[in-house]
Every structure is written in structure tokens, then in C-alpha cells.
Protein backbone atom coordinates (compact mmCIF):
# COMPACT_ATOMS: atom_id res chain seq x y z
CA UNK A 1 28.18 45.12 38.15
CA UNK A 2 30.54 42.41 36.95
CA UNK A 3 32.04 39.78 39.24
CA UNK A 4 35.04 37.85 38.00
CA UNK A 5 35.40 34.48 39.73
CA UNK A 6 38.52 33.24 38.02
CA UNK A 7 40.84 32.03 40.75
CA UNK A 8 38.14 31.17 43.27
CA UNK A 9 36.17 29.13 40.79
CA UNK A 10 39.30 27.43 39.48
CA UNK A 11 40.35 26.46 43.00
CA UNK A 12 36.89 25.06 43.80
CA UNK A 13 36.76 23.10 40.55
CA UNK A 14 40.27 21.72 41.07
CA UNK A 15 39.32 20.54 44.56
CA UNK A 16 36.39 18.56 43.13
CA UNK A 17 38.52 17.14 40.31
CA UNK A 18 41.20 16.10 42.85
CA UNK A 19 38.55 14.40 45.00
CA UNK A 20 37.21 12.39 42.07
CA UNK A 21 40.66 11.31 40.87
CA UNK A 22 40.50 7.65 39.88
CA UNK A 23 36.81 7.71 38.91
CA UNK A 24 35.95 6.28 35.52
CA UNK A 25 35.58 8.17 32.26
CA UNK A 26 34.49 11.82 32.47
CA UNK A 27 33.65 11.54 36.18
CA UNK A 28 37.27 12.44 36.91
CA UNK A 29 37.72 15.01 34.13
CA UNK A 30 34.67 17.25 33.72
CA UNK A 31 33.63 19.43 36.65
CA UNK A 32 29.87 19.09 36.29
CA UNK A 33 29.95 15.29 36.02
CA UNK A 34 32.67 15.01 38.68
CA UNK A 35 30.69 17.14 41.14
CA UNK A 36 27.62 14.97 40.67
CA UNK A 37 29.71 11.81 41.14
CA UNK A 38 31.32 13.26 44.27
CA UNK A 39 27.93 14.10 45.79
CA UNK A 40 26.62 10.58 45.14
CA UNK A 41 29.81 9.02 46.50
CA UNK A 42 29.50 11.07 49.68
CA UNK A 43 25.93 9.92 50.19
CA UNK A 44 26.88 6.28 49.63
CA UNK A 45 29.76 6.63 52.10
CA UNK A 46 27.46 8.10 54.76
CA UNK A 47 24.83 5.40 54.30
CA UNK A 48 27.40 2.61 54.41
CA UNK A 49 28.91 3.98 57.62
CA UNK A 50 25.47 3.59 59.19
CA UNK A 51 25.09 0.07 57.79
CA UNK A 52 28.51 -0.93 59.10
CA UNK A 53 27.41 -0.24 62.68
CA UNK A 54 24.53 -2.67 62.27
CA UNK A 55 26.84 -5.29 60.78
CA UNK A 56 29.25 -4.96 63.70
CA UNK A 57 26.37 -5.38 66.15
CA UNK A 58 25.29 -8.56 64.33
CA UNK A 59 28.80 -9.98 64.71
CA UNK A 60 28.74 -9.21 68.45
CA UNK A 61 25.43 -11.04 68.79
CA UNK A 62 26.80 -14.07 66.92
CA UNK A 63 29.83 -14.23 69.23
CA UNK A 64 27.65 -13.95 72.34
CA UNK A 65 25.27 -16.58 70.99
CA UNK A 66 28.12 -19.04 70.36
CA UNK A 67 29.42 -18.50 73.90
CA UNK A 68 25.92 -18.94 75.29
CA UNK A 69 25.59 -22.32 73.56
CA UNK A 70 28.89 -23.39 75.14
CA UNK A 71 27.45 -22.47 78.54
CA UNK A 72 24.09 -24.17 77.92
CA UNK A 73 21.93 -21.04 77.84
CA UNK A 74 20.01 -19.25 75.12
CA UNK A 75 20.98 -15.77 73.94
CA UNK A 76 17.54 -14.34 74.69
CA UNK A 77 17.61 -15.81 78.20
CA UNK A 78 21.00 -14.21 78.85
CA UNK A 79 19.93 -10.75 77.64
CA UNK A 80 16.63 -10.80 79.56
CA UNK A 81 18.42 -12.08 82.68
CA UNK A 82 20.95 -9.24 82.49
CA UNK A 83 18.12 -6.72 82.21
CA UNK A 84 16.17 -8.12 85.17
CA UNK A 85 19.31 -8.22 87.38
CA UNK A 86 20.22 -4.64 86.28
CA UNK A 87 23.63 -5.76 85.01
CA UNK A 88 24.60 -3.09 82.51
CA UNK A 89 26.91 -4.89 80.09
CA UNK A 90 26.45 -3.96 76.47
CA UNK A 91 26.83 -6.39 73.58
CA UNK A 92 30.28 -5.08 72.64
CA UNK A 93 31.67 -5.87 76.10
CA UNK A 94 29.87 -9.23 76.25
CA UNK A 95 31.27 -10.26 72.85
CA UNK A 96 34.79 -9.26 73.90
CA UNK A 97 34.40 -11.25 77.13
CA UNK A 98 33.06 -14.25 75.25
CA UNK A 99 36.11 -14.36 72.97
CA UNK A 100 38.97 -13.21 75.22
CA UNK A 101 37.79 -14.20 78.74
CA UNK A 102 35.44 -17.20 78.50
CA UNK A 103 35.78 -17.94 82.23
CA UNK A 104 34.53 -14.43 83.12
CA UNK A 105 31.68 -14.85 80.65
CA UNK A 106 30.79 -18.18 82.31
CA UNK A 107 30.78 -16.40 85.69
CA UNK A 108 28.34 -13.79 84.33
CA UNK A 109 26.09 -16.54 82.96
CA UNK A 110 26.12 -18.39 86.31
CA UNK A 111 25.27 -15.19 88.21
CA UNK A 112 21.88 -15.12 86.48
């Protein structure tokens, strides 16, 4: 039995070629090379999305740490104090408070 995959294959190949538009050399022209490049690019994009979350968290910690120094407390003391008092403020909220509402952040520090 013979299966002709003309239009379906052409459509699939064109989708890959369109995705890799702008890649260098044959990575944007030849299907086999373009498909390989697209698969690698997708993996890099996924991995870097995970890394970005860690980088954002590091920035939050730096902001909180700077605000802690202004209030005369260490970062680790603040975090452990929040845990012992069962104050559930995550680092994202604390960093936003430290930058936009320093007086509220000072109140939180004094409540420990």
C-alpha cells in the first residue's frame, strides 16, 4: 500500500522552516538541519525560563537585604523571625514592600 504525504509533509516542513526564520546558514533553509536547530532552541528556551525564576528570586533577596541593612537587622534574622512568628510573607512581597513602602517594611521588622 502506498501513502502519499505531499501536502501534509509540505505543511509540516514549512512550519519548521517558518519557525527557524532568521537562523544562520542552512539552519533556516534545510528541513533536517532546521528541525534539529528548532529542537535545540526549544530546549534552551525551556531551561532558561527555569533559570530566570532563580535570577528573579536572587534580585528579591538583594532588595530585602538592602532594606534590612537600613533597618539594622540581618537578612537571615528577618527570615527566621518571620517563620517563628508564623508571618507568611514571601520574598516577592517583601521585596516589593522594601522598595515601594519602606515604612511598612520597617513596621514588619519592628514586629519581630
